[in-house]
Amino acid sequence: MMDDAGVDSIPVALAASLIVLAIIVGMAASGIAGVTPVLSSSSVDGQVSMLCNDCRGLLACSPRDLLDPFSLPGASKTLVLSLPTDTGYVAFGIDPGSSESHEGTIYYLVHGNKKAVIVDERARFREGIKKGDAVVPSQRHTIIMGGGRYELTIEYQYDRGLDEKYLVVY
């Protein structure tokens, strides 16, 4: 005679183990989904903070003189932003979600949270346009929409006739 009392308990134990494993995986997935917005915001916060520090460093250097056509290029910095997919925008000198904005501020929206960082009260961010061999400030502002990898160059320029500092983004 054979003892087959344990035969019924093996499938029940396997099914119970799979149910417990599914619960654990579900809890881990919901935990990761809750952490993703925090990680995205933290990533963009850090990149914008470094960008602001770089811009402040440029303002301490020599600018391009906009009134002198033979002026040497101003201090510039090329940098890469790697923005997460839930980034709404990163805007230089203009707030796309508001009628009021400060031109020396970087505005950004990540996972529904809008933030602003003032780089300099007297500086103005402008989109750069090619004019001959030089890039000069236009009347427009640079706005990056959505996530992805973006390479930007920022150059410090000065208009001594108007006493205006420009951080030209191109």
N, C-alpha and C. Protein backbone atom coordinates (compact mmCIF):
# COMPACT_ATOMS: atom_id res chain seq x y z
N MET A 1 0.82 -1.16 0.00
CA MET A 1 0.00 0.00 0.00
C MET A 1 0.89 1.26 0.00
N MET A 2 0.49 2.21 -0.77
CA MET A 2 1.26 3.44 -0.94
C MET A 2 0.64 4.59 -0.15
N ASP A 3 1.54 5.44 0.41
CA ASP A 3 1.05 6.60 1.18
C ASP A 3 0.95 7.79 0.22
N ASP A 4 -0.23 8.17 -0.16
CA ASP A 4 -0.41 9.32 -1.06
C ASP A 4 -1.18 10.46 -0.38
N ALA A 5 -0.95 10.64 0.88
CA ALA A 5 -1.61 11.72 1.62
C ALA A 5 -1.02 13.08 1.27
N GLY A 6 0.28 13.13 0.91
CA GLY A 6 0.93 14.40 0.58
C GLY A 6 0.68 14.86 -0.83
N VAL A 7 0.10 14.03 -1.67
CA VAL A 7 -0.12 14.37 -3.07
C VAL A 7 -1.05 15.57 -3.20
N ASP A 8 -2.03 15.69 -2.38
CA ASP A 8 -2.97 16.81 -2.45
C ASP A 8 -2.35 18.10 -1.91
N SER A 9 -1.43 18.01 -0.99
CA SER A 9 -0.88 19.21 -0.36
C SER A 9 0.14 19.92 -1.25
N ILE A 10 0.80 19.25 -2.18
CA ILE A 10 1.81 19.88 -3.04
C ILE A 10 1.16 20.91 -3.98
N PRO A 11 0.09 20.61 -4.71
CA PRO A 11 -0.53 21.63 -5.56
C PRO A 11 -1.10 22.80 -4.75
N VAL A 12 -1.62 22.54 -3.60
CA VAL A 12 -2.16 23.62 -2.75
C VAL A 12 -1.03 24.52 -2.29
N ALA A 13 0.10 23.94 -1.88
CA ALA A 13 1.26 24.73 -1.43
C ALA A 13 1.83 25.55 -2.59
N LEU A 14 1.89 24.95 -3.78
CA LEU A 14 2.38 25.66 -4.96
C LEU A 14 1.47 26.84 -5.30
N ALA A 15 0.19 26.63 -5.29
CA ALA A 15 -0.78 27.70 -5.58
C ALA A 15 -0.68 28.80 -4.54
N ALA A 16 -0.55 28.45 -3.28
CA ALA A 16 -0.43 29.46 -2.22
C ALA A 16 0.86 30.26 -2.39
N SER A 17 1.95 29.58 -2.73
CA SER A 17 3.23 30.27 -2.95
C SER A 17 3.13 31.25 -4.11
N LEU A 18 2.48 30.86 -5.20
CA LEU A 18 2.32 31.74 -6.35
C LEU A 18 1.45 32.95 -6.02
N ILE A 19 0.43 32.75 -5.21
CA ILE A 19 -0.42 33.87 -4.80
C ILE A 19 0.37 34.85 -3.95
N VAL A 20 1.15 34.36 -3.00
CA VAL A 20 1.98 35.23 -2.16
C VAL A 20 3.00 35.96 -3.01
N LEU A 21 3.63 35.27 -3.97
CA LEU A 21 4.60 35.90 -4.87
C LEU A 21 3.95 37.00 -5.70
N ALA A 22 2.74 36.77 -6.20
CA ALA A 22 2.02 37.77 -6.98
C ALA A 22 1.70 39.01 -6.14
N ILE A 23 1.34 38.80 -4.89
CA ILE A 23 1.06 39.93 -3.99
C ILE A 23 2.33 40.74 -3.76
N ILE A 24 3.44 40.07 -3.55
CA ILE A 24 4.72 40.78 -3.33
C ILE A 24 5.12 41.57 -4.57
N VAL A 25 5.01 40.98 -5.75
CA VAL A 25 5.34 41.68 -6.99
C VAL A 25 4.41 42.88 -7.20
N GLY A 26 3.14 42.73 -6.92
CA GLY A 26 2.19 43.83 -7.04
C GLY A 26 2.51 44.98 -6.11
N MET A 27 2.88 44.66 -4.87
CA MET A 27 3.26 45.71 -3.92
C MET A 27 4.54 46.41 -4.36
N ALA A 28 5.50 45.68 -4.88
CA ALA A 28 6.74 46.28 -5.36
C ALA A 28 6.47 47.20 -6.55
N ALA A 29 5.61 46.77 -7.47
CA ALA A 29 5.29 47.58 -8.65
C ALA A 29 4.58 48.87 -8.25
N SER A 30 3.66 48.80 -7.31
CA SER A 30 2.98 50.02 -6.88
C SER A 30 3.94 50.94 -6.13
N GLY A 31 4.88 50.39 -5.42
CA GLY A 31 5.89 51.20 -4.74
C GLY A 31 6.79 51.92 -5.72
N ILE A 32 7.18 51.23 -6.78
CA ILE A 32 8.02 51.84 -7.82
C ILE A 32 7.26 52.93 -8.54
N ALA A 33 5.98 52.72 -8.80
CA ALA A 33 5.16 53.73 -9.48
C ALA A 33 5.04 54.99 -8.62
N GLY A 34 5.04 54.83 -7.31
CA GLY A 34 4.96 55.99 -6.42
C GLY A 34 6.28 56.74 -6.31
N VAL A 35 7.38 56.07 -6.55
CA VAL A 35 8.70 56.68 -6.43
C VAL A 35 9.11 57.39 -7.72
N THR A 36 8.60 56.97 -8.85
CA THR A 36 9.00 57.53 -10.14
C THR A 36 8.83 59.05 -10.22
N PRO A 37 7.71 59.64 -9.81
CA PRO A 37 7.60 61.10 -9.86
C PRO A 37 8.65 61.80 -8.99
N VAL A 38 8.97 61.24 -7.86
CA VAL A 38 9.96 61.84 -6.98
C VAL A 38 11.33 61.80 -7.65
N LEU A 39 11.66 60.68 -8.27
CA LEU A 39 12.95 60.56 -8.96
C LEU A 39 13.03 61.52 -10.14
N SER A 40 11.94 61.66 -10.90
CA SER A 40 11.92 62.58 -12.04
C SER A 40 12.13 64.01 -11.57
N SER A 41 11.40 64.42 -10.55
CA SER A 41 11.54 65.78 -10.03
C SER A 41 12.95 66.02 -9.51
N SER A 42 13.48 65.05 -8.81
CA SER A 42 14.83 65.19 -8.26
C SER A 42 15.87 65.31 -9.37
N SER A 43 15.71 64.55 -10.43
CA SER A 43 16.64 64.60 -11.56
C SER A 43 16.63 65.97 -12.21
N VAL A 44 15.45 66.49 -12.50
CA VAL A 44 15.34 67.80 -13.15
C VAL A 44 15.79 68.91 -12.21
N ASP A 45 15.45 68.81 -10.93
CA ASP A 45 15.91 69.80 -9.95
C ASP A 45 17.43 69.91 -9.96
N GLY A 46 18.09 68.77 -9.95
CA GLY A 46 19.56 68.76 -9.94
C GLY A 46 20.15 69.34 -11.22
N GLN A 47 19.57 68.98 -12.37
CA GLN A 47 20.09 69.49 -13.63
C GLN A 47 19.86 71.00 -13.77
N VAL A 48 18.70 71.48 -13.36
CA VAL A 48 18.43 72.92 -13.44
C VAL A 48 19.31 73.68 -12.45
N SER A 49 19.55 73.11 -11.29
CA SER A 49 20.44 73.74 -10.32
C SER A 49 21.86 73.89 -10.89
N MET A 50 22.35 72.84 -11.52
CA MET A 50 23.69 72.92 -12.13
C MET A 50 23.69 73.92 -13.28
N LEU A 51 22.62 73.96 -14.06
CA LEU A 51 22.48 74.91 -15.15
C LEU A 51 22.52 76.35 -14.63
N CYS A 52 21.83 76.60 -13.54
CA CYS A 52 21.82 77.95 -12.93
C CYS A 52 23.21 78.34 -12.45
N ASN A 53 23.91 77.41 -11.83
CA ASN A 53 25.27 77.69 -11.37
C ASN A 53 26.18 77.99 -12.55
N ASP A 54 26.03 77.25 -13.64
CA ASP A 54 26.82 77.53 -14.84
C ASP A 54 26.52 78.91 -15.40
N CYS A 55 25.24 79.30 -15.43
CA CYS A 55 24.85 80.62 -15.92
C CYS A 55 25.41 81.73 -15.03
N ARG A 56 25.36 81.53 -13.74
CA ARG A 56 25.93 82.52 -12.82
C ARG A 56 27.44 82.63 -13.02
N GLY A 57 28.08 81.51 -13.30
CA GLY A 57 29.52 81.53 -13.59
C GLY A 57 29.81 82.30 -14.86
N LEU A 58 28.96 82.14 -15.90
CA LEU A 58 29.16 82.88 -17.15
C LEU A 58 29.04 84.39 -16.92
N LEU A 59 28.10 84.78 -16.06
CA LEU A 59 27.89 86.21 -15.79
C LEU A 59 29.08 86.85 -15.08
N ALA A 60 29.96 86.04 -14.52
CA ALA A 60 31.17 86.55 -13.87
C ALA A 60 32.34 86.66 -14.85
N CYS A 61 32.11 86.25 -16.10
CA CYS A 61 33.17 86.25 -17.12
C CYS A 61 32.96 87.40 -18.11
N SER A 62 33.73 87.38 -19.18
CA SER A 62 33.66 88.44 -20.20
C SER A 62 32.54 88.17 -21.20
N PRO A 63 31.73 89.20 -21.49
CA PRO A 63 30.64 89.02 -22.46
C PRO A 63 31.08 89.41 -23.88
N ARG A 64 30.26 89.02 -24.85
CA ARG A 64 30.40 89.56 -26.22
C ARG A 64 29.76 90.93 -26.21
N ASP A 65 30.45 91.92 -26.78
CA ASP A 65 29.90 93.27 -26.88
C ASP A 65 29.03 93.33 -28.13
N LEU A 66 27.73 93.48 -27.95
CA LEU A 66 26.80 93.46 -29.09
C LEU A 66 26.93 94.68 -29.99
N LEU A 67 27.48 95.78 -29.49
CA LEU A 67 27.63 96.97 -30.32
C LEU A 67 28.91 96.95 -31.15
N ASP A 68 29.83 96.05 -30.84
CA ASP A 68 31.09 95.93 -31.57
C ASP A 68 31.02 94.71 -32.49
N PRO A 69 30.92 94.92 -33.80
CA PRO A 69 30.80 93.78 -34.71
C PRO A 69 32.04 92.88 -34.73
N PHE A 70 33.18 93.38 -34.24
CA PHE A 70 34.41 92.60 -34.22
C PHE A 70 34.73 92.06 -32.83
N SER A 71 33.76 92.14 -31.93
CA SER A 71 33.96 91.65 -30.57
C SER A 71 34.17 90.14 -30.57
N LEU A 72 35.01 89.70 -29.68
CA LEU A 72 35.23 88.27 -29.51
C LEU A 72 33.98 87.64 -28.89
N PRO A 73 33.77 86.34 -29.09
CA PRO A 73 32.63 85.68 -28.45
C PRO A 73 32.71 85.82 -26.93
N GLY A 74 31.56 85.90 -26.32
CA GLY A 74 31.52 85.97 -24.86
C GLY A 74 31.73 84.60 -24.25
N ALA A 75 31.81 84.58 -22.94
CA ALA A 75 31.95 83.31 -22.24
C ALA A 75 30.76 82.44 -22.58
N SER A 76 31.02 81.17 -22.84
CA SER A 76 29.93 80.27 -23.20
C SER A 76 30.14 78.91 -22.58
N LYS A 77 29.07 78.17 -22.52
CA LYS A 77 29.09 76.82 -21.93
C LYS A 77 28.11 75.97 -22.73
N THR A 78 28.58 74.80 -23.14
CA THR A 78 27.71 73.83 -23.79
C THR A 78 27.41 72.73 -22.79
N LEU A 79 26.15 72.41 -22.65
CA LEU A 79 25.75 71.39 -21.68
C LEU A 79 24.65 70.52 -22.23
N VAL A 80 24.46 69.39 -21.59
CA VAL A 80 23.46 68.42 -22.02
C VAL A 80 22.44 68.25 -20.90
N LEU A 81 21.16 68.35 -21.26
CA LEU A 81 20.07 68.07 -20.32
C LEU A 81 19.45 66.74 -20.72
N SER A 82 19.33 65.82 -19.77
CA SER A 82 18.64 64.55 -20.00
C SER A 82 17.38 64.57 -19.15
N LEU A 83 16.30 64.96 -19.76
CA LEU A 83 15.05 65.17 -19.04
C LEU A 83 14.18 63.92 -19.08
N PRO A 84 13.57 63.56 -17.94
CA PRO A 84 12.67 62.39 -17.92
C PRO A 84 11.41 62.64 -18.76
N THR A 85 10.73 61.56 -19.08
CA THR A 85 9.57 61.65 -19.98
C THR A 85 8.41 62.46 -19.41
N ASP A 86 8.31 62.56 -18.09
CA ASP A 86 7.19 63.33 -17.53
C ASP A 86 7.53 64.81 -17.32
N THR A 87 8.55 65.29 -18.04
CA THR A 87 8.88 66.72 -18.01
C THR A 87 7.93 67.43 -18.96
N GLY A 88 7.25 68.44 -18.44
CA GLY A 88 6.35 69.23 -19.28
C GLY A 88 7.13 70.22 -20.13
N TYR A 89 7.97 71.03 -19.48
CA TYR A 89 8.79 72.00 -20.19
C TYR A 89 9.92 72.49 -19.31
N VAL A 90 10.93 73.04 -19.95
CA VAL A 90 11.98 73.83 -19.30
C VAL A 90 12.06 75.09 -20.15
N ALA A 91 11.79 76.24 -19.54
CA ALA A 91 11.71 77.50 -20.28
C ALA A 91 12.69 78.51 -19.70
N PHE A 92 13.34 79.24 -20.59
CA PHE A 92 14.35 80.22 -20.20
C PHE A 92 13.80 81.62 -20.38
N GLY A 93 13.54 82.31 -19.27
CA GLY A 93 13.10 83.69 -19.31
C GLY A 93 11.63 83.92 -19.55
N ILE A 94 10.84 82.86 -19.64
CA ILE A 94 9.40 83.01 -19.84
C ILE A 94 8.70 81.83 -19.18
N ASP A 95 7.55 82.11 -18.59
CA ASP A 95 6.75 81.05 -17.98
C ASP A 95 5.59 80.75 -18.92
N PRO A 96 5.63 79.61 -19.63
CA PRO A 96 4.56 79.30 -20.59
C PRO A 96 3.18 79.16 -19.94
N GLY A 97 3.13 78.89 -18.65
CA GLY A 97 1.85 78.70 -17.99
C GLY A 97 1.31 79.95 -17.32
N SER A 98 1.95 81.10 -17.54
CA SER A 98 1.54 82.31 -16.84
C SER A 98 1.74 83.53 -17.73
N SER A 99 1.00 84.58 -17.45
CA SER A 99 1.18 85.83 -18.21
C SER A 99 2.30 86.67 -17.61
N GLU A 100 2.71 86.35 -16.40
CA GLU A 100 3.78 87.09 -15.76
C GLU A 100 5.01 86.20 -15.62
N SER A 101 6.17 86.73 -15.99
CA SER A 101 7.41 85.98 -15.83
C SER A 101 8.57 86.95 -15.72
N HIS A 102 9.67 86.45 -15.22
CA HIS A 102 10.88 87.24 -15.05
C HIS A 102 11.90 86.71 -16.05
N GLU A 103 12.55 87.59 -16.78
CA GLU A 103 13.42 87.17 -17.88
C GLU A 103 14.73 86.56 -17.43
N GLY A 104 15.09 86.67 -16.18
CA GLY A 104 16.32 86.07 -15.68
C GLY A 104 16.07 84.78 -14.92
N THR A 105 14.95 84.13 -15.21
CA THR A 105 14.52 82.95 -14.45
C THR A 105 14.35 81.75 -15.38
N ILE A 106 14.65 80.57 -14.84
CA ILE A 106 14.38 79.32 -15.54
C ILE A 106 13.13 78.70 -14.91
N TYR A 107 12.12 78.44 -15.73
CA TYR A 107 10.87 77.84 -15.28
C TYR A 107 10.82 76.41 -15.79
N TYR A 108 10.31 75.50 -14.96
CA TYR A 108 10.16 74.13 -15.43
C TYR A 108 8.99 73.44 -14.76
N LEU A 109 8.45 72.46 -15.49
CA LEU A 109 7.28 71.71 -15.04
C LEU A 109 7.61 70.23 -15.15
N VAL A 110 7.56 69.53 -14.01
CA VAL A 110 7.83 68.09 -13.99
C VAL A 110 6.72 67.42 -13.20
N HIS A 111 6.09 66.44 -13.82
CA HIS A 111 5.03 65.64 -13.20
C HIS A 111 3.97 66.53 -12.54
N GLY A 112 3.61 67.61 -13.23
CA GLY A 112 2.56 68.51 -12.75
C GLY A 112 3.00 69.55 -11.74
N ASN A 113 4.26 69.54 -11.31
CA ASN A 113 4.77 70.52 -10.35
C ASN A 113 5.60 71.56 -11.08
N LYS A 114 5.17 72.83 -10.98
CA LYS A 114 5.89 73.92 -11.63
C LYS A 114 6.85 74.55 -10.64
N LYS A 115 8.08 74.82 -11.11
CA LYS A 115 9.09 75.45 -10.27
C LYS A 115 9.79 76.54 -11.06
N ALA A 116 10.41 77.47 -10.35
CA ALA A 116 11.16 78.55 -10.98
C ALA A 116 12.43 78.81 -10.18
N VAL A 117 13.52 79.06 -10.91
CA VAL A 117 14.80 79.36 -10.27
C VAL A 117 15.34 80.64 -10.89
N ILE A 118 15.56 81.65 -10.06
CA ILE A 118 16.09 82.92 -10.55
C ILE A 118 17.60 82.79 -10.70
N VAL A 119 18.09 83.08 -11.90
CA VAL A 119 19.53 83.04 -12.17
C VAL A 119 20.13 84.39 -11.82
N ASP A 120 19.55 85.48 -12.34
CA ASP A 120 20.05 86.82 -12.08
C ASP A 120 18.91 87.81 -12.33
N GLU A 121 18.77 88.76 -11.45
CA GLU A 121 17.69 89.75 -11.56
C GLU A 121 17.85 90.65 -12.79
N ARG A 122 19.10 90.93 -13.20
CA ARG A 122 19.33 91.87 -14.29
C ARG A 122 19.56 91.19 -15.64
N ALA A 123 19.75 89.89 -15.65
CA ALA A 123 20.02 89.19 -16.91
C ALA A 123 18.72 88.85 -17.62
N ARG A 124 18.84 88.65 -18.93
CA ARG A 124 17.69 88.28 -19.75
C ARG A 124 18.07 87.06 -20.59
N PHE A 125 17.25 86.02 -20.50
CA PHE A 125 17.43 84.86 -21.37
C PHE A 125 16.80 85.18 -22.72
N ARG A 126 17.51 84.83 -23.80
CA ARG A 126 16.98 85.00 -25.14
C ARG A 126 17.40 83.82 -26.01
N GLU A 127 16.57 83.52 -26.99
CA GLU A 127 16.93 82.52 -27.98
C GLU A 127 17.92 83.17 -28.95
N GLY A 128 18.96 82.45 -29.31
CA GLY A 128 19.97 82.97 -30.21
C GLY A 128 19.61 82.73 -31.67
N ILE A 129 19.94 83.72 -32.51
CA ILE A 129 19.77 83.58 -33.96
C ILE A 129 21.11 83.88 -34.62
N LYS A 130 21.37 83.18 -35.70
CA LYS A 130 22.63 83.35 -36.43
C LYS A 130 22.59 84.64 -37.23
N LYS A 131 23.62 85.48 -37.05
CA LYS A 131 23.74 86.73 -37.80
C LYS A 131 25.19 86.84 -38.25
N GLY A 132 25.44 86.46 -39.48
CA GLY A 132 26.82 86.41 -39.96
C GLY A 132 27.53 85.24 -39.29
N ASP A 133 28.67 85.54 -38.69
CA ASP A 133 29.44 84.51 -37.98
C ASP A 133 29.05 84.40 -36.51
N ALA A 134 28.23 85.30 -36.05
CA ALA A 134 27.90 85.34 -34.62
C ALA A 134 26.46 84.91 -34.37
N VAL A 135 26.20 84.56 -33.13
CA VAL A 135 24.84 84.29 -32.67
C VAL A 135 24.45 85.47 -31.78
N VAL A 136 23.31 86.08 -32.07
CA VAL A 136 22.87 87.26 -31.33
C VAL A 136 21.51 86.99 -30.71
N PRO A 137 21.14 87.76 -29.68
CA PRO A 137 19.83 87.53 -29.04
C PRO A 137 18.68 87.97 -29.93
N SER A 138 17.62 87.17 -29.92
CA SER A 138 16.40 87.53 -30.63
C SER A 138 15.40 88.06 -29.59
N GLN A 139 14.18 88.29 -30.01
CA GLN A 139 13.13 88.71 -29.08
C GLN A 139 12.39 87.51 -28.50
N ARG A 140 12.75 86.29 -28.94
CA ARG A 140 12.06 85.08 -28.49
C ARG A 140 12.83 84.44 -27.33
N HIS A 141 12.14 83.52 -26.66
CA HIS A 141 12.72 82.76 -25.57
C HIS A 141 12.78 81.28 -25.95
N THR A 142 13.74 80.57 -25.38
CA THR A 142 13.88 79.15 -25.65
C THR A 142 13.00 78.37 -24.68
N ILE A 143 12.20 77.45 -25.23
CA ILE A 143 11.36 76.58 -24.43
C ILE A 143 11.58 75.15 -24.91
N ILE A 144 11.97 74.28 -24.00
CA ILE A 144 12.13 72.86 -24.30
C ILE A 144 10.86 72.17 -23.85
N MET A 145 10.21 71.49 -24.77
CA MET A 145 8.95 70.81 -24.45
C MET A 145 9.20 69.31 -24.35
N GLY A 146 8.81 68.70 -23.24
CA GLY A 146 8.89 67.26 -23.08
C GLY A 146 10.26 66.76 -22.67
N GLY A 147 10.31 65.47 -22.41
CA GLY A 147 11.55 64.85 -22.00
C GLY A 147 12.43 64.51 -23.18
N GLY A 148 13.65 64.08 -22.87
CA GLY A 148 14.60 63.70 -23.91
C GLY A 148 15.97 64.26 -23.59
N ARG A 149 16.86 64.11 -24.55
CA ARG A 149 18.24 64.58 -24.38
C ARG A 149 18.42 65.82 -25.26
N TYR A 150 18.84 66.92 -24.65
CA TYR A 150 18.99 68.19 -25.34
C TYR A 150 20.39 68.75 -25.09
N GLU A 151 21.03 69.22 -26.15
CA GLU A 151 22.33 69.88 -26.02
C GLU A 151 22.12 71.37 -26.25
N LEU A 152 22.53 72.17 -25.29
CA LEU A 152 22.35 73.62 -25.34
C LEU A 152 23.70 74.32 -25.19
N THR A 153 23.82 75.44 -25.86
CA THR A 153 24.96 76.32 -25.64
C THR A 153 24.40 77.64 -25.14
N ILE A 154 25.01 78.16 -24.09
CA ILE A 154 24.59 79.44 -23.51
C ILE A 154 25.78 80.37 -23.58
N GLU A 155 25.58 81.56 -24.15
CA GLU A 155 26.65 82.54 -24.28
C GLU A 155 26.24 83.83 -23.59
N TYR A 156 27.20 84.44 -22.90
CA TYR A 156 26.98 85.70 -22.21
C TYR A 156 27.27 86.84 -23.18
N GLN A 157 26.26 87.73 -23.38
CA GLN A 157 26.41 88.87 -24.26
C GLN A 157 25.91 90.12 -23.55
N TYR A 158 26.47 91.27 -23.96
CA TYR A 158 26.13 92.52 -23.28
C TYR A 158 25.89 93.61 -24.31
N ASP A 159 24.79 94.35 -24.13
CA ASP A 159 24.48 95.50 -24.96
C ASP A 159 24.73 96.74 -24.11
N ARG A 160 25.88 97.40 -24.33
CA ARG A 160 26.24 98.55 -23.48
C ARG A 160 25.38 99.77 -23.77
N GLY A 161 24.76 99.84 -24.96
CA GLY A 161 23.86 100.95 -25.28
C GLY A 161 22.60 100.92 -24.43
N LEU A 162 22.09 99.73 -24.17
CA LEU A 162 20.88 99.57 -23.37
C LEU A 162 21.19 99.11 -21.94
N ASP A 163 22.45 98.84 -21.65
CA ASP A 163 22.90 98.31 -20.36
C ASP A 163 22.12 97.02 -20.03
N GLU A 164 22.09 96.10 -21.00
CA GLU A 164 21.38 94.83 -20.85
C GLU A 164 22.34 93.66 -20.92
N LYS A 165 22.20 92.72 -19.98
CA LYS A 165 22.95 91.46 -19.97
C LYS A 165 22.04 90.40 -20.59
N TYR A 166 22.60 89.63 -21.51
CA TYR A 166 21.84 88.55 -22.15
C TYR A 166 22.54 87.22 -21.95
N LEU A 167 21.77 86.20 -21.64
CA LEU A 167 22.24 84.84 -21.69
C LEU A 167 21.53 84.22 -22.89
N VAL A 168 22.28 84.06 -23.96
CA VAL A 168 21.72 83.63 -25.25
C VAL A 168 21.81 82.12 -25.34
N VAL A 169 20.65 81.49 -25.54
CA VAL A 169 20.55 80.03 -25.60
C VAL A 169 20.37 79.60 -27.04
N TYR A 170 21.23 78.71 -27.48
CA TYR A 170 21.09 78.17 -28.84
C TYR A 170 21.57 76.74 -28.90
